[in-house]
Amino acid sequence: MKIRNTVGMDMGDKVHSICILDASGTVRECAEVSNTRAGIYKFFAKMEPSLIALETGTHSSWVSRILEELGHEVLVGHARKLRMIWNNPQKNDMRDAEMLARIARFDRKLLHPIQPRSMKAQCDLAAIKARDQLVKVRSSLIAHVRGLVKSVGARLPTCSPECFAKRAAEAVPEELALALEPVIASIAELTVRIRHCDHLIQKLADEEYPATKRLQEIPGVGPITSLAFVLTLEDPKRFARSRDVGPFLGMTPRRNQSGQVDQQLPITKAGNAYMRRLLVQCAQYILGHYGPDCDLRRFGLKLAERGGKNAKRRATVAVARKLAVLLHSLWKTGEEYEPNRCRRQNRKTA
């Protein structure tokens, strides 16, 4: 069996560094390729099918799709796991490319390869992230207006972000009215845009991803969280066990065990930070004042009762992790959500 060439590709914003190893591990060629579709097609189309290793980054998804179309096998290495590359005292782009190629040639598992998101999922997820950015900008502008009003000895009434523009326009001090008029108008426009994004996300979830409807049966989980969860994982069969979703989203504690020392560390925060934030927000609602009685709520409150400085925070993260497992289980099995399933099973056992 002929051994293929192994290619390491250190990705840049404008130029990619390429290192090609032959079957014996000798550097056959080093080159640079422009970060354009035409440049990548031109360089790799003439190359025989090879194993290509690159790191996660802004351009890794679309570049990996092009390389796979050309018949190459692509490994997208987890950048956070490749300390031997980014912590090299003699680091440069070409050395990084060569190191990627040698790691892939030796043992591809050392790259901790990830599965790039499909084009459709990436574009659909962009609608959710666009809404998130609009909300952040609106929150920043609202805080700006409130801060300026406080600086002249006045206060704006408490209200929701959706009606802030109308209430603020009526209550802003006269001496600041002219300066804050464009800011308040921008807040009103952002509110309209956010509402439009909400309709778009709801329509996308109902028509393209019917599985989200079942996930929304869980209290606190709405169209945004359910759709983001489906798009982030893409395929429920990607995980053999639902418990594997927690580590994938970075909600399991880090570990540093050596000898008799086994420290209690914070969560890894690996994976999708936005999805993790959405799950934590859902957990905060479940544990909050208006959260309905269910297994998740009782589980979290029991953890919070243990006391300690960070008991409530740990309980929130634990509920978010358990929620991720439950979401995947419902999605994979197609079962209906039972809010008090554990209580019912305990009664049967008793």
Protein backbone atom coordinates (compact mmCIF):
# COMPACT_ATOMS: atom_id res chain seq x y z
CA MET A 1 0.00 0.00 0.00
CA LYS A 2 1.40 3.36 -1.03
CA ILE A 3 1.75 5.85 1.79
CA ARG A 4 0.39 9.27 0.94
CA ASN A 5 2.11 12.57 1.45
CA THR A 6 1.32 14.40 4.68
CA VAL A 7 0.71 18.13 4.47
CA GLY A 8 0.80 20.65 7.30
CA MET A 9 -1.02 23.92 6.73
CA ASP A 10 -0.51 26.85 9.08
CA MET A 11 -3.37 29.20 8.30
CA GLY A 12 -3.08 32.97 8.16
CA ASP A 13 -5.49 35.72 7.32
CA LYS A 14 -3.86 36.51 3.97
CA VAL A 15 -1.32 33.71 3.34
CA HIS A 16 -1.14 30.05 4.38
CA SER A 17 2.18 28.33 5.01
CA ILE A 18 2.45 24.81 3.55
CA CYS A 19 4.88 22.02 4.44
CA ILE A 20 4.74 18.71 2.53
CA LEU A 21 6.32 15.53 3.92
CA ASP A 22 6.90 12.49 1.75
CA ALA A 23 6.39 8.86 2.76
CA SER A 24 9.70 8.76 4.64
CA GLY A 25 8.97 11.93 6.61
CA THR A 26 11.39 14.12 4.65
CA VAL A 27 10.36 17.67 3.82
CA ARG A 28 9.56 17.58 0.12
CA GLU A 29 8.33 21.12 -0.38
CA CYS A 30 7.61 24.31 1.53
CA ALA A 31 5.36 26.94 0.00
CA GLU A 32 2.94 29.77 0.66
CA VAL A 33 -0.60 29.93 -0.70
CA SER A 34 -2.83 32.98 -0.84
CA ASN A 35 -5.92 32.79 1.33
CA THR A 36 -8.36 32.79 -1.58
CA ARG A 37 -10.51 30.09 -3.14
CA ALA A 38 -8.64 30.46 -6.42
CA GLY A 39 -5.24 30.20 -4.74
CA ILE A 40 -6.16 27.07 -2.77
CA TYR A 41 -7.74 25.39 -5.80
CA LYS A 42 -4.69 26.14 -7.93
CA PHE A 43 -2.18 24.73 -5.45
CA PHE A 44 -4.00 21.61 -4.21
CA ALA A 45 -5.80 20.55 -7.41
CA LYS A 46 -2.52 19.38 -8.96
CA MET A 47 -1.49 17.47 -5.81
CA GLU A 48 -2.15 13.76 -5.44
CA PRO A 49 -4.66 12.86 -2.67
CA SER A 50 -2.90 13.52 0.63
CA LEU A 51 -3.51 13.79 4.35
CA ILE A 52 -3.74 17.50 5.21
CA ALA A 53 -3.60 18.81 8.78
CA LEU A 54 -4.62 22.32 9.78
CA GLU A 55 -5.76 24.09 12.93
CA THR A 56 -9.14 25.48 13.93
CA GLY A 57 -9.61 29.12 13.03
CA THR A 58 -11.69 31.62 11.10
CA HIS A 59 -10.93 30.08 7.71
CA SER A 60 -10.66 26.41 8.66
CA SER A 61 -14.27 25.48 7.78
CA TRP A 62 -14.43 26.70 4.19
CA VAL A 63 -10.83 25.71 3.45
CA SER A 64 -11.42 22.16 4.70
CA ARG A 65 -14.53 21.86 2.54
CA ILE A 66 -12.57 22.86 -0.56
CA LEU A 67 -9.76 20.40 0.21
CA GLU A 68 -12.24 17.55 0.70
CA GLU A 69 -13.88 18.40 -2.64
CA LEU A 70 -10.45 17.97 -4.25
CA GLY A 71 -10.18 14.45 -2.82
CA HIS A 72 -7.86 15.07 0.13
CA GLU A 73 -8.36 13.78 3.67
CA VAL A 74 -8.48 16.72 6.05
CA LEU A 75 -7.82 16.80 9.78
CA VAL A 76 -8.80 20.02 11.57
CA GLY A 77 -6.78 19.99 14.78
CA HIS A 78 -8.03 21.56 17.99
CA ALA A 79 -5.81 24.63 18.40
CA ARG A 80 -6.14 24.73 22.21
CA LYS A 81 -4.84 21.16 22.47
CA LEU A 82 -1.68 21.79 20.43
CA ARG A 83 0.48 23.40 23.09
CA MET A 84 3.63 21.91 21.57
CA ILE A 85 3.05 24.17 18.56
CA TRP A 86 1.97 27.52 19.99
CA ASN A 87 4.38 27.29 22.96
CA ASN A 88 7.45 26.64 20.80
CA PRO A 89 10.27 29.14 21.66
CA GLN A 90 11.36 29.07 17.98
CA LYS A 91 7.85 29.54 16.62
CA ASN A 92 7.23 30.67 13.05
CA ASP A 93 4.62 29.85 10.43
CA MET A 94 6.66 27.34 8.45
CA ARG A 95 7.79 25.48 11.59
CA ASP A 96 4.16 25.34 12.71
CA ALA A 97 3.15 23.84 9.35
CA GLU A 98 5.90 21.23 9.58
CA MET A 99 4.92 20.36 13.15
CA LEU A 100 1.28 19.88 12.11
CA ALA A 101 2.36 17.53 9.32
CA ARG A 102 4.61 15.48 11.61
CA ILE A 103 1.93 15.15 14.31
CA ALA A 104 -0.62 13.99 11.72
CA ARG A 105 1.90 11.53 10.28
CA PHE A 106 2.78 10.10 13.69
CA ASP A 107 -0.65 9.88 15.38
CA ARG A 108 -3.66 11.84 14.19
CA LYS A 109 -5.32 11.54 17.60
CA LEU A 110 -2.72 13.96 18.98
CA LEU A 111 -4.40 16.66 16.88
CA HIS A 112 -7.70 16.11 18.74
CA PRO A 113 -9.47 16.60 15.38
CA ILE A 114 -12.84 18.33 15.34
CA GLN A 115 -15.71 18.02 12.87
CA PRO A 116 -16.15 21.30 10.92
CA ARG A 117 -19.67 22.68 10.69
CA SER A 118 -21.51 22.32 7.38
CA MET A 119 -22.14 25.37 5.22
CA LYS A 120 -25.91 25.33 5.85
CA ALA A 121 -25.51 25.02 9.62
CA GLN A 122 -22.90 27.78 9.62
CA CYS A 123 -25.17 30.15 7.69
CA ASP A 124 -28.23 29.34 9.82
CA LEU A 125 -26.24 29.82 13.01
CA ALA A 126 -25.16 33.23 11.69
CA ALA A 127 -28.75 34.48 12.17
CA ILE A 128 -28.60 33.64 15.88
CA LYS A 129 -25.18 35.21 16.34
CA ALA A 130 -26.28 38.33 14.47
CA ARG A 131 -29.16 38.74 16.90
CA ASP A 132 -26.78 38.29 19.82
CA GLN A 133 -24.58 41.10 18.55
CA LEU A 134 -27.56 43.40 18.10
CA VAL A 135 -28.65 42.71 21.67
CA LYS A 136 -25.14 43.46 22.97
CA VAL A 137 -25.00 46.77 21.09
CA ARG A 138 -28.47 47.76 22.35
CA SER A 139 -27.52 46.91 25.95
CA SER A 140 -24.36 49.00 25.62
CA LEU A 141 -26.30 51.99 24.28
CA ILE A 142 -28.94 51.72 27.01
CA ALA A 143 -26.22 51.68 29.68
CA HIS A 144 -24.62 54.70 28.00
CA VAL A 145 -27.86 56.70 28.08
CA ARG A 146 -28.60 55.81 31.70
CA GLY A 147 -25.08 56.74 32.74
CA LEU A 148 -25.21 60.17 31.09
CA VAL A 149 -28.60 60.92 32.63
CA LYS A 150 -27.28 60.01 36.09
CA SER A 151 -24.35 62.40 35.59
CA VAL A 152 -26.74 65.39 35.58
CA GLY A 153 -28.60 64.25 38.70
CA ALA A 154 -31.58 62.50 37.09
CA ARG A 155 -32.67 58.92 36.54
CA LEU A 156 -34.60 57.13 33.84
CA PRO A 157 -37.50 54.85 34.81
CA THR A 158 -36.97 51.12 35.07
CA CYS A 159 -38.30 49.33 31.99
CA SER A 160 -37.57 46.48 29.61
CA PRO A 161 -35.13 47.01 26.71
CA GLU A 162 -38.02 46.69 24.24
CA CYS A 163 -39.79 49.82 25.52
CA PHE A 164 -36.69 51.73 26.64
CA ALA A 165 -36.54 54.03 23.61
CA LYS A 166 -40.10 55.28 24.12
CA ARG A 167 -39.77 55.74 27.87
CA ALA A 168 -36.36 57.37 27.63
CA ALA A 169 -37.48 59.86 24.96
CA GLU A 170 -40.17 61.10 27.35
CA ALA A 171 -38.03 61.17 30.52
CA VAL A 172 -34.60 62.34 29.36
CA PRO A 173 -33.60 65.75 30.83
CA GLU A 174 -34.04 68.69 28.48
CA GLU A 175 -30.34 69.63 28.59
CA LEU A 176 -29.41 66.17 27.23
CA ALA A 177 -32.26 65.73 24.77
CA LEU A 178 -30.36 66.99 21.74
CA ALA A 179 -27.22 64.93 22.47
CA LEU A 180 -29.08 61.68 23.22
CA GLU A 181 -31.68 61.89 20.46
CA PRO A 182 -29.60 59.94 17.87
CA VAL A 183 -28.64 57.32 20.47
CA ILE A 184 -32.27 56.75 21.50
CA ALA A 185 -33.27 56.55 17.84
CA SER A 186 -30.59 53.91 17.29
CA ILE A 187 -31.93 51.91 20.25
CA ALA A 188 -35.42 52.01 18.75
CA GLU A 189 -34.09 50.84 15.39
CA LEU A 190 -32.12 48.03 17.04
CA THR A 191 -35.27 46.88 18.83
CA VAL A 192 -37.05 46.59 15.49
CA ARG A 193 -34.12 44.64 14.01
CA ILE A 194 -33.98 42.29 16.99
CA ARG A 195 -37.70 41.62 16.69
CA HIS A 196 -37.17 40.81 13.01
CA CYS A 197 -34.37 38.37 13.95
CA ASP A 198 -36.70 36.71 16.46
CA HIS A 199 -39.29 36.07 13.73
CA LEU A 200 -36.57 34.76 11.40
CA ILE A 201 -35.20 32.38 14.03
CA GLN A 202 -38.68 31.12 14.92
CA LYS A 203 -39.48 30.50 11.26
CA LEU A 204 -36.14 28.76 10.72
CA ALA A 205 -36.69 26.49 13.71
CA ASP A 206 -40.26 25.57 12.71
CA GLU A 207 -39.62 24.93 9.02
CA GLU A 208 -36.04 23.66 8.79
CA TYR A 209 -35.40 22.04 12.18
CA PRO A 210 -38.61 20.46 13.57
CA ALA A 211 -36.58 18.70 16.28
CA THR A 212 -36.35 22.04 18.12
CA LYS A 213 -40.06 21.89 18.95
CA ARG A 214 -39.55 18.90 21.24
CA LEU A 215 -36.57 20.55 22.93
CA GLN A 216 -38.66 23.64 23.70
CA GLU A 217 -40.88 21.57 25.96
CA ILE A 218 -38.24 22.03 28.67
CA PRO A 219 -38.94 25.18 30.77
CA GLY A 220 -36.56 28.02 29.92
CA VAL A 221 -35.58 26.58 26.53
CA GLY A 222 -36.87 28.73 23.68
CA PRO A 223 -36.34 28.86 19.91
CA ILE A 224 -32.91 30.47 20.18
CA THR A 225 -31.43 27.93 22.61
CA SER A 226 -33.00 24.90 20.93
CA LEU A 227 -31.96 25.99 17.42
CA ALA A 228 -28.44 26.90 18.54
CA PHE A 229 -28.12 23.51 20.23
CA VAL A 230 -29.20 21.62 17.11
CA LEU A 231 -26.93 23.66 14.85
CA THR A 232 -23.93 23.37 17.18
CA LEU A 233 -24.13 19.58 17.42
CA GLU A 234 -25.70 19.07 13.94
CA ASP A 235 -26.08 15.30 14.27
CA PRO A 236 -27.44 13.63 17.45
CA LYS A 237 -25.63 10.41 16.49
CA ARG A 238 -22.34 12.27 16.70
CA PHE A 239 -22.19 11.30 20.39
CA ALA A 240 -22.62 7.70 21.46
CA ARG A 241 -23.67 8.82 24.94
CA SER A 242 -25.61 11.94 25.90
CA ARG A 243 -23.20 12.44 28.81
CA ASP A 244 -20.45 13.22 26.29
CA VAL A 245 -22.18 16.50 25.39
CA GLY A 246 -21.16 18.11 28.70
CA PRO A 247 -17.39 17.79 28.09
CA PHE A 248 -17.89 18.78 24.43
CA LEU A 249 -19.39 22.10 25.55
CA GLY A 250 -16.73 22.65 28.21
CA MET A 251 -18.99 22.28 31.25
CA THR A 252 -17.04 19.60 33.10
CA PRO A 253 -14.35 20.42 35.70
CA ARG A 254 -10.73 20.47 34.64
CA ARG A 255 -8.47 17.97 36.35
CA ASN A 256 -4.87 18.13 37.51
CA GLN A 257 -4.22 14.87 39.35
CA SER A 258 -0.71 13.79 40.29
CA GLY A 259 0.17 11.32 43.03
CA GLN A 260 -1.94 12.09 46.09
CA VAL A 261 -2.95 15.53 44.79
CA ASP A 262 -6.28 15.83 43.00
CA GLN A 263 -7.30 19.50 42.84
CA GLN A 264 -10.83 20.79 42.41
CA LEU A 265 -10.64 23.08 39.36
CA PRO A 266 -13.11 25.22 37.38
CA ILE A 267 -14.79 23.94 34.22
CA THR A 268 -12.73 23.59 31.07
CA LYS A 269 -14.72 26.16 29.04
CA ALA A 270 -13.85 24.26 25.89
CA GLY A 271 -16.12 24.18 22.85
CA ASN A 272 -18.75 26.71 21.86
CA ALA A 273 -18.81 29.61 24.36
CA TYR A 274 -22.08 31.04 23.02
CA MET A 275 -23.92 27.72 23.41
CA ARG A 276 -22.55 27.39 26.92
CA ARG A 277 -23.83 30.87 27.78
CA LEU A 278 -27.31 30.04 26.49
CA LEU A 279 -27.45 26.87 28.60
CA VAL A 280 -26.36 28.78 31.71
CA GLN A 281 -29.10 31.37 31.10
CA CYS A 282 -31.67 28.56 30.87
CA ALA A 283 -30.30 27.07 34.10
CA GLN A 284 -30.61 30.44 35.84
CA TYR A 285 -34.28 30.59 34.85
CA ILE A 286 -34.91 27.02 36.05
CA LEU A 287 -33.34 27.81 39.44
CA GLY A 288 -34.89 31.27 39.62
CA HIS A 289 -38.03 32.51 41.31
CA TYR A 290 -40.29 31.67 38.37
CA GLY A 291 -38.75 28.29 37.57
CA PRO A 292 -41.35 25.48 37.61
CA ASP A 293 -40.96 22.41 39.79
CA CYS A 294 -39.07 19.73 37.86
CA ASP A 295 -36.18 17.28 38.23
CA LEU A 296 -33.66 19.85 37.01
CA ARG A 297 -34.78 22.44 39.54
CA ARG A 298 -34.75 20.02 42.48
CA PHE A 299 -31.32 18.77 41.42
CA GLY A 300 -29.90 22.30 41.33
CA LEU A 301 -31.49 23.46 44.58
CA LYS A 302 -30.14 20.39 46.35
CA LEU A 303 -26.63 21.26 45.23
CA ALA A 304 -27.06 24.90 46.22
CA GLU A 305 -28.15 23.89 49.76
CA ARG A 306 -24.70 22.47 50.44
CA GLY A 307 -23.56 26.01 51.07
CA GLY A 308 -20.16 27.45 50.44
CA LYS A 309 -18.99 30.56 48.69
CA ASN A 310 -19.74 29.43 45.15
CA ALA A 311 -22.53 26.91 45.83
CA LYS A 312 -25.16 28.70 43.74
CA ARG A 313 -22.75 29.20 40.86
CA ARG A 314 -21.68 25.56 40.86
CA ALA A 315 -25.32 24.50 41.00
CA THR A 316 -26.14 26.67 37.98
CA VAL A 317 -23.32 25.15 35.93
CA ALA A 318 -24.32 21.64 37.02
CA VAL A 319 -27.92 22.25 35.93
CA ALA A 320 -26.70 23.66 32.60
CA ARG A 321 -24.59 20.54 32.05
CA LYS A 322 -27.51 18.27 32.96
CA LEU A 323 -29.76 20.31 30.66
CA ALA A 324 -27.36 19.74 27.74
CA VAL A 325 -27.48 15.99 28.40
CA LEU A 326 -31.28 16.07 28.54
CA LEU A 327 -31.56 18.07 25.32
CA HIS A 328 -29.39 15.60 23.45
CA SER A 329 -31.26 12.63 24.88
CA LEU A 330 -34.64 14.02 23.81
CA TRP A 331 -33.28 14.86 20.38
CA LYS A 332 -31.68 11.47 19.86
CA THR A 333 -34.46 9.25 21.21
CA GLY A 334 -37.48 11.35 20.21
CA GLU A 335 -39.06 10.81 23.63
CA GLU A 336 -41.42 13.34 25.23
CA TYR A 337 -40.12 15.51 28.04
CA GLU A 338 -41.20 14.41 31.52
CA PRO A 339 -40.47 17.16 34.08
CA ASN A 340 -40.82 14.81 37.08
CA ARG A 341 -39.50 11.58 35.64
CA CYS A 342 -37.01 10.90 38.45
CA ARG A 343 -39.67 11.41 41.13
CA ARG A 344 -42.04 9.02 39.35
CA GLN A 345 -39.34 6.35 39.04
CA ASN A 346 -38.41 6.71 42.71
CA ARG A 347 -42.04 6.21 43.71
CA LYS A 348 -42.23 3.05 41.61
CA THR A 349 -39.06 1.74 43.22
CA ALA A 350 -40.39 2.51 46.71
